[in-house]
Amino acid sequence: MRYVDNPPNPWLSTSVEWTGEPPESKVEVFEETETRRIITHNRSPDVGFDYSVNCYRGCTHACTYCFSRPTHEYLGYGAGTDFETKIVAKVRAPELLREEFMRPGWRGDVLMFSFTSDPYLPLENNYRLTRRCLEVCLEFRNPVGIVTKSALVRRDADVLAALARESQASVFFTIGFNDHETARALEPHAPSPDSRFRAMAELSAAGIPVGIGIAPLVPGLNDSHIPALLKRAKEAGAREAFINILRLPGSVAPYFEQRLRERLPTKAERVLARLREAKGGRLNISEFGERMRGSGEYWKMIEQSFRVHCERLGFNRSEGRSYPGQPRSTFRRPTPQGALFEV
């Protein structure tokens, strides 16, 4: 593996430049034990949910475009290699979730797993934090939604199927690329698109509502993948679909551009030009209400293609859509008397 420099951390006053070969990057895991809250209230109008649970910080999938990379800078790490090699596990997540559910102010809103990291990192196979949190949600009958790139979610099909019956549960797989080569270039350690589609079909067969997020949509790179991705998702049982344009906040932009030029050198200039075209001449727009949307004729063509193929295949027609979700009134706090005193 070749070392990739971290972009400078804007919160630090010093930076390091290696005079020789830099040391090899190794995955390090840190256990966070002082966490006080696990439910995050999202105040952005750009995403379709209000509350999320993140059991991990950082992500070993190493997606070069991940908008969450700058959150690692708040920990004193870099947004590049550090984000994918210094992983924090919030080991008290299930206990904290139970405590927050017991507070009178919690009313059973949909909880999204996750937002700043994938809920099914390989580490989840050992820590089982996401599964244990889902078990708490099932106990309280709290509706959940999951967004993941990982096929590991299949392990929790039993809990998710029970949640789908007792409350509400849905799983969206983000699959932005239809071919293995492009996916591997920009999300080098994430499961392949084929494995994600297989996992989607397996969950759908288990009675769990599934959907596809074509995210990120990278103008000039994967807009031509839209028809094939939607067709494969429909065949795997998906009923819902959405697209999000590529976001490159802060230090993500130079990191993404570096990796793009290294891995897809013949496509880099076209992609960057198309992205600027869809972002009003910039690589990123940070303003609320605008940062998740594109503009211009080329982006309108992409949106039109998505709408046409969704309509043709029957996506996004179901009543009570799961994304963004509206919870059924199923939440209740367990009591010794069981259903007699459900609230």
C-alpha atoms as a PDB file:
ATOM      1  CA  MET A   1       0.000   0.000   0.000  1.00  0.00           C
ATOM      2  CA  ARG A   2       1.254   3.461  -0.873  1.00  0.00           C
ATOM      3  CA  TYR A   3       1.187   6.150   1.751  1.00  0.00           C
ATOM      4  CA  VAL A   4      -1.164   9.077   1.114  1.00  0.00           C
ATOM      5  CA  ASP A   5      -0.509  12.349   2.935  1.00  0.00           C
ATOM      6  CA  ASN A   6      -3.151  13.855   5.155  1.00  0.00           C
ATOM      7  CA  PRO A   7      -4.335  17.346   4.224  1.00  0.00           C
ATOM      8  CA  PRO A   8      -3.185  19.907   6.827  1.00  0.00           C
ATOM      9  CA  ASN A   9      -5.408  20.081   9.888  1.00  0.00           C
ATOM     10  CA  PRO A  10      -6.733  23.668  10.010  1.00  0.00           C
ATOM     11  CA  TRP A  11      -7.183  23.418  13.784  1.00  0.00           C
ATOM     12  CA  LEU A  12      -3.472  22.863  14.392  1.00  0.00           C
ATOM     13  CA  SER A  13      -0.762  25.509  14.151  1.00  0.00           C
ATOM     14  CA  THR A  14       1.959  23.116  13.000  1.00  0.00           C
ATOM     15  CA  SER A  15       2.304  20.461  10.323  1.00  0.00           C
ATOM     16  CA  VAL A  16       4.880  17.793   9.502  1.00  0.00           C
ATOM     17  CA  GLU A  17       6.691  17.189   6.225  1.00  0.00           C
ATOM     18  CA  TRP A  18       8.634  13.947   5.838  1.00  0.00           C
ATOM     19  CA  THR A  19      12.195  14.349   4.546  1.00  0.00           C
ATOM     20  CA  GLY A  20      12.365  10.654   3.668  1.00  0.00           C
ATOM     21  CA  GLU A  21       9.867   7.845   3.252  1.00  0.00           C
ATOM     22  CA  PRO A  22       6.948   8.335   5.666  1.00  0.00           C
ATOM     23  CA  PRO A  23       6.091   5.514   8.061  1.00  0.00           C
ATOM     24  CA  GLU A  24       3.570   2.932   6.963  1.00  0.00           C
ATOM     25  CA  SER A  25      -0.038   3.714   7.851  1.00  0.00           C
ATOM     26  CA  LYS A  26      -1.553   1.153  10.229  1.00  0.00           C
ATOM     27  CA  VAL A  27      -5.086   0.805  11.505  1.00  0.00           C
ATOM     28  CA  GLU A  28      -5.379   1.815  15.144  1.00  0.00           C
ATOM     29  CA  VAL A  29      -8.495   1.407  17.255  1.00  0.00           C
ATOM     30  CA  PHE A  30      -9.377   3.651  20.170  1.00  0.00           C
ATOM     31  CA  GLU A  31     -12.159   2.929  22.641  1.00  0.00           C
ATOM     32  CA  GLU A  32     -14.148   5.969  23.709  1.00  0.00           C
ATOM     33  CA  THR A  33     -15.541   5.490  27.218  1.00  0.00           C
ATOM     34  CA  GLU A  34     -16.432   9.053  28.247  1.00  0.00           C
ATOM     35  CA  THR A  35     -19.236   9.585  25.715  1.00  0.00           C
ATOM     36  CA  ARG A  36     -22.262  11.145  27.419  1.00  0.00           C
ATOM     37  CA  ARG A  37     -24.814  11.128  24.609  1.00  0.00           C
ATOM     38  CA  ILE A  38     -25.196   8.812  21.625  1.00  0.00           C
ATOM     39  CA  ILE A  39     -28.200  10.334  19.812  1.00  0.00           C
ATOM     40  CA  THR A  40     -27.185  13.248  17.596  1.00  0.00           C
ATOM     41  CA  HIS A  41     -29.795  15.842  16.657  1.00  0.00           C
ATOM     42  CA  ASN A  42     -29.299  16.843  13.044  1.00  0.00           C
ATOM     43  CA  ARG A  43     -30.109  20.501  12.447  1.00  0.00           C
ATOM     44  CA  SER A  44     -29.322  20.574   8.739  1.00  0.00           C
ATOM     45  CA  PRO A  45     -32.255  21.054   6.327  1.00  0.00           C
ATOM     46  CA  ASP A  46     -30.344  19.138   3.641  1.00  0.00           C
ATOM     47  CA  VAL A  47     -30.861  15.598   4.922  1.00  0.00           C
ATOM     48  CA  GLY A  48     -34.086  13.697   5.407  1.00  0.00           C
ATOM     49  CA  PHE A  49     -33.850  12.791   9.087  1.00  0.00           C
ATOM     50  CA  ASP A  50     -33.540  14.506  12.449  1.00  0.00           C
ATOM     51  CA  TYR A  51     -31.719  12.002  14.664  1.00  0.00           C
ATOM     52  CA  SER A  52     -28.796   9.664  14.139  1.00  0.00           C
ATOM     53  CA  VAL A  53     -26.621   7.225  16.071  1.00  0.00           C
ATOM     54  CA  ASN A  54     -22.933   6.853  15.262  1.00  0.00           C
ATOM     55  CA  CYS A  55     -21.206   4.002  17.070  1.00  0.00           C
ATOM     56  CA  TYR A  56     -17.843   4.689  15.418  1.00  0.00           C
ATOM     57  CA  ARG A  57     -15.671   7.598  14.349  1.00  0.00           C
ATOM     58  CA  GLY A  58     -13.602   7.224  11.195  1.00  0.00           C
ATOM     59  CA  CYS A  59     -14.156   4.567   8.555  1.00  0.00           C
ATOM     60  CA  THR A  60     -11.911   1.836   7.178  1.00  0.00           C
ATOM     61  CA  HIS A  61     -13.832   1.773   3.900  1.00  0.00           C
ATOM     62  CA  ALA A  62     -11.503   4.647   2.956  1.00  0.00           C
ATOM     63  CA  CYS A  63     -13.902   6.301   0.514  1.00  0.00           C
ATOM     64  CA  THR A  64     -11.902   9.192  -0.902  1.00  0.00           C
ATOM     65  CA  TYR A  65     -14.966  11.434  -1.197  1.00  0.00           C
ATOM     66  CA  CYS A  66     -16.423  10.952   2.308  1.00  0.00           C
ATOM     67  CA  PHE A  67     -17.825  14.263   3.554  1.00  0.00           C
ATOM     68  CA  SER A  68     -17.261  13.143   7.163  1.00  0.00           C
ATOM     69  CA  ARG A  69     -13.475  13.218   6.897  1.00  0.00           C
ATOM     70  CA  PRO A  70     -13.107  16.720   8.428  1.00  0.00           C
ATOM     71  CA  THR A  71     -14.809  15.518  11.644  1.00  0.00           C
ATOM     72  CA  HIS A  72     -11.566  13.676  12.435  1.00  0.00           C
ATOM     73  CA  GLU A  73      -9.766  17.011  12.586  1.00  0.00           C
ATOM     74  CA  TYR A  74     -11.730  17.865  15.736  1.00  0.00           C
ATOM     75  CA  LEU A  75      -9.957  14.918  17.382  1.00  0.00           C
ATOM     76  CA  GLY A  76      -6.535  16.245  16.390  1.00  0.00           C
ATOM     77  CA  TYR A  77      -6.169  13.813  13.476  1.00  0.00           C
ATOM     78  CA  GLY A  78      -6.036  14.374   9.729  1.00  0.00           C
ATOM     79  CA  ALA A  79      -8.866  14.103   7.238  1.00  0.00           C
ATOM     80  CA  GLY A  80      -6.894  11.808   4.927  1.00  0.00           C
ATOM     81  CA  THR A  81      -5.159   8.614   5.968  1.00  0.00           C
ATOM     82  CA  ASP A  82      -5.959   9.215   9.655  1.00  0.00           C
ATOM     83  CA  PHE A  83      -9.700   9.052   8.969  1.00  0.00           C
ATOM     84  CA  GLU A  84      -9.407   5.517   7.651  1.00  0.00           C
ATOM     85  CA  THR A  85      -6.719   4.220  10.028  1.00  0.00           C
ATOM     86  CA  LYS A  86      -7.525   5.798  13.415  1.00  0.00           C
ATOM     87  CA  ILE A  87     -10.928   4.372  14.295  1.00  0.00           C
ATOM     88  CA  VAL A  88     -12.804   5.226  17.476  1.00  0.00           C
ATOM     89  CA  ALA A  89     -15.354   2.781  18.906  1.00  0.00           C
ATOM     90  CA  LYS A  90     -17.954   4.242  21.260  1.00  0.00           C
ATOM     91  CA  VAL A  91     -18.081   1.169  23.440  1.00  0.00           C
ATOM     92  CA  ARG A  92     -20.906   2.428  25.671  1.00  0.00           C
ATOM     93  CA  ALA A  93     -23.249   3.173  22.774  1.00  0.00           C
ATOM     94  CA  PRO A  94     -25.950   0.560  23.611  1.00  0.00           C
ATOM     95  CA  GLU A  95     -26.090   1.562  27.283  1.00  0.00           C
ATOM     96  CA  LEU A  96     -26.256   5.255  26.397  1.00  0.00           C
ATOM     97  CA  LEU A  97     -29.030   4.605  23.886  1.00  0.00           C
ATOM     98  CA  ARG A  98     -31.106   2.839  26.533  1.00  0.00           C
ATOM     99  CA  GLU A  99     -30.580   5.765  28.925  1.00  0.00           C
ATOM    100  CA  GLU A 100     -31.706   8.281  26.305  1.00  0.00           C
ATOM    101  CA  PHE A 101     -34.771   6.233  25.406  1.00  0.00           C
ATOM    102  CA  MET A 102     -35.780   6.264  29.063  1.00  0.00           C
ATOM    103  CA  ARG A 103     -35.708  10.049  29.226  1.00  0.00           C
ATOM    104  CA  PRO A 104     -39.188  11.630  29.090  1.00  0.00           C
ATOM    105  CA  GLY A 105     -38.169  13.910  26.231  1.00  0.00           C
ATOM    106  CA  TRP A 106     -37.616  11.076  23.743  1.00  0.00           C
ATOM    107  CA  ARG A 107     -40.757  10.436  21.670  1.00  0.00           C
ATOM    108  CA  GLY A 108     -39.742   7.644  19.335  1.00  0.00           C
ATOM    109  CA  ASP A 109     -38.476   9.496  16.270  1.00  0.00           C
ATOM    110  CA  VAL A 110     -36.745   7.571  13.497  1.00  0.00           C
ATOM    111  CA  LEU A 111     -33.086   6.885  14.318  1.00  0.00           C
ATOM    112  CA  MET A 112     -30.642   6.708  11.416  1.00  0.00           C
ATOM    113  CA  PHE A 113     -27.578   4.459  11.653  1.00  0.00           C
ATOM    114  CA  SER A 114     -25.214   6.165  10.800  1.00  0.00           C
ATOM    115  CA  PHE A 115     -24.164   9.539   9.457  1.00  0.00           C
ATOM    116  CA  THR A 116     -20.471  10.190  10.103  1.00  0.00           C
ATOM    117  CA  SER A 117     -19.321   6.584   9.751  1.00  0.00           C
ATOM    118  CA  ASP A 118     -20.649   3.324   8.343  1.00  0.00           C
ATOM    119  CA  PRO A 119     -22.539   1.364  11.031  1.00  0.00           C
ATOM    120  CA  TYR A 120     -21.122  -1.885   9.658  1.00  0.00           C
ATOM    121  CA  LEU A 121     -17.380  -1.368   9.609  1.00  0.00           C
ATOM    122  CA  PRO A 122     -15.395  -4.625   9.806  1.00  0.00           C
ATOM    123  CA  LEU A 123     -14.849  -3.781  13.498  1.00  0.00           C
ATOM    124  CA  GLU A 124     -18.585  -4.220  14.037  1.00  0.00           C
ATOM    125  CA  ASN A 125     -18.063  -7.936  13.575  1.00  0.00           C
ATOM    126  CA  ASN A 126     -16.231  -7.903  16.917  1.00  0.00           C
ATOM    127  CA  TYR A 127     -17.720  -4.994  18.859  1.00  0.00           C
ATOM    128  CA  ARG A 128     -21.345  -5.616  17.782  1.00  0.00           C
ATOM    129  CA  LEU A 129     -22.252  -2.069  18.849  1.00  0.00           C
ATOM    130  CA  THR A 130     -24.688  -1.497  15.996  1.00  0.00           C
ATOM    131  CA  ARG A 131     -26.425  -4.814  16.589  1.00  0.00           C
ATOM    132  CA  ARG A 132     -26.748  -4.192  20.325  1.00  0.00           C
ATOM    133  CA  CYS A 133     -28.180  -0.720  19.617  1.00  0.00           C
ATOM    134  CA  LEU A 134     -30.691  -2.275  17.211  1.00  0.00           C
ATOM    135  CA  GLU A 135     -31.674  -4.751  19.919  1.00  0.00           C
ATOM    136  CA  VAL A 136     -32.375  -1.796  22.225  1.00  0.00           C
ATOM    137  CA  CYS A 137     -34.480  -0.215  19.469  1.00  0.00           C
ATOM    138  CA  LEU A 138     -36.445  -3.447  19.140  1.00  0.00           C
ATOM    139  CA  GLU A 139     -37.038  -3.605  22.888  1.00  0.00           C
ATOM    140  CA  PHE A 140     -38.420  -0.052  22.807  1.00  0.00           C
ATOM    141  CA  ARG A 141     -40.017  -0.523  19.373  1.00  0.00           C
ATOM    142  CA  ASN A 142     -38.245   2.583  18.080  1.00  0.00           C
ATOM    143  CA  PRO A 143     -38.206   2.964  14.264  1.00  0.00           C
ATOM    144  CA  VAL A 144     -34.822   2.869  12.559  1.00  0.00           C
ATOM    145  CA  GLY A 145     -33.212   3.469   9.207  1.00  0.00           C
ATOM    146  CA  ILE A 146     -29.800   2.249   8.112  1.00  0.00           C
ATOM    147  CA  VAL A 147     -27.479   3.618   5.446  1.00  0.00           C
ATOM    148  CA  THR A 148     -24.510   1.385   4.698  1.00  0.00           C
ATOM    149  CA  LYS A 149     -22.042   0.124   2.132  1.00  0.00           C
ATOM    150  CA  SER A 150     -21.423  -3.116   3.984  1.00  0.00           C
ATOM    151  CA  ALA A 151     -22.726  -6.611   3.400  1.00  0.00           C
ATOM    152  CA  LEU A 152     -22.222  -7.285   7.129  1.00  0.00           C
ATOM    153  CA  VAL A 153     -25.721  -5.892   7.673  1.00  0.00           C
ATOM    154  CA  ARG A 154     -27.004  -9.342   6.636  1.00  0.00           C
ATOM    155  CA  ARG A 155     -25.914 -10.641  10.037  1.00  0.00           C
ATOM    156  CA  ASP A 156     -28.629  -8.539  11.681  1.00  0.00           C
ATOM    157  CA  ALA A 157     -31.457  -9.578   9.378  1.00  0.00           C
ATOM    158  CA  ASP A 158     -33.277 -11.200  12.309  1.00  0.00           C
ATOM    159  CA  VAL A 159     -33.371  -8.014  14.393  1.00  0.00           C
ATOM    160  CA  LEU A 160     -34.194  -5.803  11.416  1.00  0.00           C
ATOM    161  CA  ALA A 161     -37.016  -8.094  10.279  1.00  0.00           C
ATOM    162  CA  ALA A 162     -38.489  -7.991  13.781  1.00  0.00           C
ATOM    163  CA  LEU A 163     -38.218  -4.193  13.815  1.00  0.00           C
ATOM    164  CA  ALA A 164     -39.920  -4.029  10.424  1.00  0.00           C
ATOM    165  CA  ARG A 165     -42.820  -6.044  11.856  1.00  0.00           C
ATOM    166  CA  GLU A 166     -43.072  -4.380  15.272  1.00  0.00           C
ATOM    167  CA  SER A 167     -42.204  -0.801  14.318  1.00  0.00           C
ATOM    168  CA  GLN A 168     -40.380   0.405  11.209  1.00  0.00           C
ATOM    169  CA  ALA A 169     -37.017  -0.462   9.672  1.00  0.00           C
ATOM    170  CA  SER A 170     -35.385   0.153   6.321  1.00  0.00           C
ATOM    171  CA  VAL A 171     -31.914  -0.354   4.901  1.00  0.00           C
ATOM    172  CA  PHE A 172     -30.464   1.810   2.168  1.00  0.00           C
ATOM    173  CA  PHE A 173     -27.320   0.677   0.410  1.00  0.00           C
ATOM    174  CA  THR A 174     -25.201   3.448  -1.048  1.00  0.00           C
ATOM    175  CA  ILE A 175     -23.991   2.111  -4.383  1.00  0.00           C
ATOM    176  CA  GLY A 176     -22.582   4.827  -6.574  1.00  0.00           C
ATOM    177  CA  PHE A 177     -20.740   2.779  -9.165  1.00  0.00           C
ATOM    178  CA  ASN A 178     -21.835  -0.140 -11.284  1.00  0.00           C
ATOM    179  CA  ASP A 179     -18.384  -1.473 -12.105  1.00  0.00           C
ATOM    180  CA  HIS A 180     -15.805  -2.872  -9.738  1.00  0.00           C
ATOM    181  CA  GLU A 181     -12.875  -0.879 -11.149  1.00  0.00           C
ATOM    182  CA  THR A 182     -14.369   2.566 -10.568  1.00  0.00           C
ATOM    183  CA  ALA A 183     -15.648   1.592  -7.148  1.00  0.00           C
ATOM    184  CA  ARG A 184     -12.268   0.243  -6.093  1.00  0.00           C
ATOM    185  CA  ALA A 185     -10.525   3.426  -7.260  1.00  0.00           C
ATOM    186  CA  LEU A 186     -12.607   5.747  -5.077  1.00  0.00           C
ATOM    187  CA  GLU A 187     -13.763   3.489  -2.227  1.00  0.00           C
ATOM    188  CA  PRO A 188     -10.850   1.050  -2.026  1.00  0.00           C
ATOM    189  CA  HIS A 189     -11.810  -0.952   1.067  1.00  0.00           C
ATOM    190  CA  ALA A 190     -15.599  -0.944   0.777  1.00  0.00           C
ATOM    191  CA  PRO A 191     -17.397  -4.145  -0.265  1.00  0.00           C
ATOM    192  CA  SER A 192     -17.875  -4.485  -4.008  1.00  0.00           C
ATOM    193  CA  PRO A 193     -21.114  -3.312  -5.665  1.00  0.00           C
ATOM    194  CA  ASP A 194     -21.958  -6.960  -6.397  1.00  0.00           C
ATOM    195  CA  SER A 195     -21.767  -7.904  -2.722  1.00  0.00           C
ATOM    196  CA  ARG A 196     -23.980  -4.962  -1.779  1.00  0.00           C
ATOM    197  CA  PHE A 197     -26.635  -5.970  -4.278  1.00  0.00           C
ATOM    198  CA  ARG A 198     -26.553  -9.558  -2.969  1.00  0.00           C
ATOM    199  CA  ALA A 199     -27.005  -8.266   0.581  1.00  0.00           C
ATOM    200  CA  MET A 200     -29.879  -6.060  -0.604  1.00  0.00           C
ATOM    201  CA  ALA A 201     -31.654  -9.057  -2.142  1.00  0.00           C
ATOM    202  CA  GLU A 202     -31.156 -11.147   0.987  1.00  0.00           C
ATOM    203  CA  LEU A 203     -32.618  -8.483   3.289  1.00  0.00           C
ATOM    204  CA  SER A 204     -35.534  -7.906   0.943  1.00  0.00           C
ATOM    205  CA  ALA A 205     -36.284 -11.645   0.963  1.00  0.00           C
ATOM    206  CA  ALA A 206     -36.326 -11.464   4.772  1.00  0.00           C
ATOM    207  CA  GLY A 207     -39.118  -8.872   4.657  1.00  0.00           C
ATOM    208  CA  ILE A 208     -36.967  -5.796   5.307  1.00  0.00           C
ATOM    209  CA  PRO A 209     -37.677  -2.718   3.124  1.00  0.00           C
ATOM    210  CA  VAL A 210     -34.548  -1.858   1.154  1.00  0.00           C
ATOM    211  CA  GLY A 211     -33.499   0.988  -1.094  1.00  0.00           C
ATOM    212  CA  ILE A 212     -30.562   2.350  -3.039  1.00  0.00           C
ATOM    213  CA  GLY A 213     -28.723   5.618  -2.683  1.00  0.00           C
ATOM    214  CA  ILE A 214     -26.746   6.488  -5.794  1.00  0.00           C
ATOM    215  CA  ALA A 215     -24.326   8.463  -3.719  1.00  0.00           C
ATOM    216  CA  PRO A 216     -22.231  10.219  -4.388  1.00  0.00           C
ATOM    217  CA  LEU A 217     -23.316  11.114  -7.891  1.00  0.00           C
ATOM    218  CA  VAL A 218     -20.080  12.344  -9.467  1.00  0.00           C
ATOM    219  CA  PRO A 219     -20.840  14.390 -12.599  1.00  0.00           C
ATOM    220  CA  GLY A 220     -18.841  13.150 -15.545  1.00  0.00           C
ATOM    221  CA  LEU A 221     -18.044   9.823 -13.894  1.00  0.00           C
ATOM    222  CA  ASN A 222     -21.031   7.764 -12.784  1.00  0.00           C
ATOM    223  CA  ASP A 223     -24.082   9.588 -14.167  1.00  0.00           C
ATOM    224  CA  SER A 224     -24.107   7.003 -16.963  1.00  0.00           C
ATOM    225  CA  HIS A 225     -24.394   4.265 -14.304  1.00  0.00           C
ATOM    226  CA  ILE A 226     -27.857   5.407 -13.180  1.00  0.00           C
ATOM    227  CA  PRO A 227     -29.985   3.116 -15.397  1.00  0.00           C
ATOM    228  CA  ALA A 228     -28.002  -0.033 -14.601  1.00  0.00           C
ATOM    229  CA  LEU A 229     -27.843   0.692 -10.860  1.00  0.00           C
ATOM    230  CA  LEU A 230     -31.587   1.288 -10.612  1.00  0.00           C
ATOM    231  CA  LYS A 231     -32.344  -1.827 -12.651  1.00  0.00           C
ATOM    232  CA  ARG A 232     -30.133  -4.001 -10.430  1.00  0.00           C
ATOM    233  CA  ALA A 233     -31.645  -2.482  -7.290  1.00  0.00           C
ATOM    234  CA  LYS A 234     -35.165  -3.170  -8.520  1.00  0.00           C
ATOM    235  CA  GLU A 235     -34.245  -6.780  -9.244  1.00  0.00           C
ATOM    236  CA  ALA A 236     -32.844  -7.023  -5.695  1.00  0.00           C
ATOM    237  CA  GLY A 237     -36.138  -5.862  -4.175  1.00  0.00           C
ATOM    238  CA  ALA A 238     -35.528  -2.126  -3.656  1.00  0.00           C
ATOM    239  CA  ARG A 239     -38.554   0.145  -3.650  1.00  0.00           C
ATOM    240  CA  GLU A 240     -36.961   3.502  -2.877  1.00  0.00           C
ATOM    241  CA  ALA A 241     -34.065   5.396  -4.455  1.00  0.00           C
ATOM    242  CA  PHE A 242     -32.300   8.718  -4.071  1.00  0.00           C
ATOM    243  CA  ILE A 243     -29.248  10.513  -5.460  1.00  0.00           C
ATOM    244  CA  ASN A 244     -26.856  12.960  -3.787  1.00  0.00           C
ATOM    245  CA  ILE A 245     -24.313  15.039  -5.632  1.00  0.00           C
ATOM    246  CA  LEU A 246     -20.683  14.748  -4.521  1.00  0.00           C
ATOM    247  CA  ARG A 247     -19.787  16.982  -1.559  1.00  0.00           C
ATOM    248  CA  LEU A 248     -16.176  17.967  -0.899  1.00  0.00           C
ATOM    249  CA  PRO A 249     -16.123  20.086   2.280  1.00  0.00           C
ATOM    250  CA  GLY A 250     -12.894  21.446   3.720  1.00  0.00           C
ATOM    251  CA  SER A 251      -9.945  19.100   3.490  1.00  0.00           C
ATOM    252  CA  VAL A 252     -11.885  16.512   1.498  1.00  0.00           C
ATOM    253  CA  ALA A 253     -11.454  18.424  -1.773  1.00  0.00           C
ATOM    254  CA  PRO A 254      -7.638  18.185  -2.028  1.00  0.00           C
ATOM    255  CA  TYR A 255      -7.655  14.596  -0.788  1.00  0.00           C
ATOM    256  CA  PHE A 256     -10.279  13.539  -3.324  1.00  0.00           C
ATOM    257  CA  GLU A 257      -8.537  15.342  -6.174  1.00  0.00           C
ATOM    258  CA  GLN A 258      -5.214  13.712  -5.314  1.00  0.00           C
ATOM    259  CA  ARG A 259      -6.662  10.231  -5.277  1.00  0.00           C
ATOM    260  CA  LEU A 260      -8.760  10.873  -8.388  1.00  0.00           C
ATOM    261  CA  ARG A 261      -5.692  11.930 -10.376  1.00  0.00           C
ATOM    262  CA  GLU A 262      -3.745   8.917  -9.119  1.00  0.00           C
ATOM    263  CA  ARG A 263      -6.408   6.260  -9.649  1.00  0.00           C
ATOM    264  CA  LEU A 264      -8.365   7.604 -12.633  1.00  0.00           C
ATOM    265  CA  PRO A 265      -5.898   9.922 -14.379  1.00  0.00           C
ATOM    266  CA  THR A 266      -7.625   9.918 -17.768  1.00  0.00           C
ATOM    267  CA  LYS A 267     -10.963  10.924 -16.240  1.00  0.00           C
ATOM    268  CA  ALA A 268      -9.838  13.409 -13.599  1.00  0.00           C
ATOM    269  CA  GLU A 269      -9.996  16.648 -15.600  1.00  0.00           C
ATOM    270  CA  ARG A 270     -13.424  15.841 -17.008  1.00  0.00           C
ATOM    271  CA  VAL A 271     -14.809  14.985 -13.559  1.00  0.00           C
ATOM    272  CA  LEU A 272     -13.444  18.146 -11.937  1.00  0.00           C
ATOM    273  CA  ALA A 273     -14.727  20.299 -14.790  1.00  0.00           C
ATOM    274  CA  ARG A 274     -18.208  18.757 -14.630  1.00  0.00           C
ATOM    275  CA  LEU A 275     -18.309  19.113 -10.859  1.00  0.00           C
ATOM    276  CA  ARG A 276     -17.418  22.800 -11.068  1.00  0.00           C
ATOM    277  CA  GLU A 277     -20.080  23.206 -13.743  1.00  0.00           C
ATOM    278  CA  ALA A 278     -22.674  21.718 -11.387  1.00  0.00           C
ATOM    279  CA  LYS A 279     -21.431  23.766  -8.415  1.00  0.00           C
ATOM    280  CA  GLY A 280     -21.350  27.237  -9.932  1.00  0.00           C
ATOM    281  CA  GLY A 281     -17.625  27.182 -10.673  1.00  0.00           C
ATOM    282  CA  ARG A 282     -16.557  25.674  -7.327  1.00  0.00           C
ATOM    283  CA  LEU A 283     -15.712  22.184  -6.147  1.00  0.00           C
ATOM    284  CA  ASN A 284     -17.931  22.580  -3.108  1.00  0.00           C
ATOM    285  CA  ILE A 285     -20.817  24.666  -1.831  1.00  0.00           C
ATOM    286  CA  SER A 286     -21.137  24.794   1.948  1.00  0.00           C
ATOM    287  CA  GLU A 287     -24.347  26.794   2.386  1.00  0.00           C
ATOM    288  CA  PHE A 288     -27.322  24.958   3.910  1.00  0.00           C
ATOM    289  CA  GLY A 289     -29.989  24.292   1.341  1.00  0.00           C
ATOM    290  CA  GLU A 290     -27.476  24.339  -1.509  1.00  0.00           C
ATOM    291  CA  ARG A 291     -24.660  21.992  -0.538  1.00  0.00           C
ATOM    292  CA  MET A 292     -26.534  18.786  -1.464  1.00  0.00           C
ATOM    293  CA  ARG A 293     -27.849  20.096  -4.788  1.00  0.00           C
ATOM    294  CA  GLY A 294     -26.366  20.699  -8.189  1.00  0.00           C
ATOM    295  CA  SER A 295     -27.240  23.331 -10.757  1.00  0.00           C
ATOM    296  CA  GLY A 296     -26.805  24.016 -14.442  1.00  0.00           C
ATOM    297  CA  GLU A 297     -27.912  22.189 -17.553  1.00  0.00           C
ATOM    298  CA  TYR A 298     -25.671  19.177 -17.092  1.00  0.00           C
ATOM    299  CA  TRP A 299     -26.982  18.519 -13.583  1.00  0.00           C
ATOM    300  CA  LYS A 300     -30.559  18.958 -14.794  1.00  0.00           C
ATOM    301  CA  MET A 301     -29.902  16.214 -17.346  1.00  0.00           C
ATOM    302  CA  ILE A 302     -28.675  13.928 -14.550  1.00  0.00           C
ATOM    303  CA  GLU A 303     -31.750  14.589 -12.434  1.00  0.00           C
ATOM    304  CA  GLN A 304     -34.020  14.024 -15.398  1.00  0.00           C
ATOM    305  CA  SER A 305     -32.341  10.712 -16.166  1.00  0.00           C
ATOM    306  CA  PHE A 306     -32.809   9.632 -12.549  1.00  0.00           C
ATOM    307  CA  ARG A 307     -36.494  10.620 -12.512  1.00  0.00           C
ATOM    308  CA  VAL A 308     -37.261   8.917 -15.813  1.00  0.00           C
ATOM    309  CA  HIS A 309     -35.671   5.619 -14.830  1.00  0.00           C
ATOM    310  CA  CYS A 310     -37.212   5.702 -11.352  1.00  0.00           C
ATOM    311  CA  GLU A 311     -40.638   6.219 -12.900  1.00  0.00           C
ATOM    312  CA  ARG A 312     -40.097   3.463 -15.452  1.00  0.00           C
ATOM    313  CA  LEU A 313     -39.046   0.975 -12.777  1.00  0.00           C
ATOM    314  CA  GLY A 314     -41.649   1.997 -10.204  1.00  0.00           C
ATOM    315  CA  PHE A 315     -39.412   3.517  -7.520  1.00  0.00           C
ATOM    316  CA  ASN A 316     -40.592   5.901  -4.788  1.00  0.00           C
ATOM    317  CA  ARG A 317     -44.281   5.103  -5.166  1.00  0.00           C
ATOM    318  CA  SER A 318     -44.986   3.360  -1.873  1.00  0.00           C
ATOM    319  CA  GLU A 319     -47.152   4.985   0.765  1.00  0.00           C
ATOM    320  CA  GLY A 320     -45.448   5.835   4.039  1.00  0.00           C
ATOM    321  CA  ARG A 321     -42.054   6.105   2.397  1.00  0.00           C
ATOM    322  CA  SER A 322     -39.121   4.975   4.489  1.00  0.00           C
ATOM    323  CA  TYR A 323     -36.734   7.755   3.430  1.00  0.00           C
ATOM    324  CA  PRO A 324     -37.192  10.222   4.843  1.00  0.00           C
ATOM    325  CA  GLY A 325     -39.229   8.208   7.317  1.00  0.00           C
ATOM    326  CA  GLN A 326     -42.275   9.050   9.348  1.00  0.00           C
ATOM    327  CA  PRO A 327     -42.520   6.796  12.406  1.00  0.00           C
ATOM    328  CA  ARG A 328     -45.595   4.824  13.276  1.00  0.00           C
ATOM    329  CA  SER A 329     -46.711   5.321  16.864  1.00  0.00           C
ATOM    330  CA  THR A 330     -44.965   2.219  18.138  1.00  0.00           C
ATOM    331  CA  PHE A 331     -42.452   3.532  20.677  1.00  0.00           C
ATOM    332  CA  ARG A 332     -42.942   2.343  24.236  1.00  0.00           C
ATOM    333  CA  ARG A 333     -40.803   2.062  27.291  1.00  0.00           C
ATOM    334  CA  PRO A 334     -40.652  -1.420  28.769  1.00  0.00           C
ATOM    335  CA  THR A 335     -42.178  -1.811  32.218  1.00  0.00           C
ATOM    336  CA  PRO A 336     -42.508  -4.746  34.612  1.00  0.00           C
ATOM    337  CA  GLN A 337     -46.221  -4.846  33.758  1.00  0.00           C
ATOM    338  CA  GLY A 338     -45.552  -5.105  30.021  1.00  0.00           C
ATOM    339  CA  ALA A 339     -48.253  -3.834  27.715  1.00  0.00           C
ATOM    340  CA  LEU A 340     -50.541  -2.653  30.551  1.00  0.00           C
ATOM    341  CA  PHE A 341     -48.434   0.416  31.083  1.00  0.00           C
ATOM    342  CA  GLU A 342     -46.972   1.119  27.644  1.00  0.00           C
ATOM    343  CA  VAL A 343     -46.412   4.813  26.921  1.00  0.00           C
END
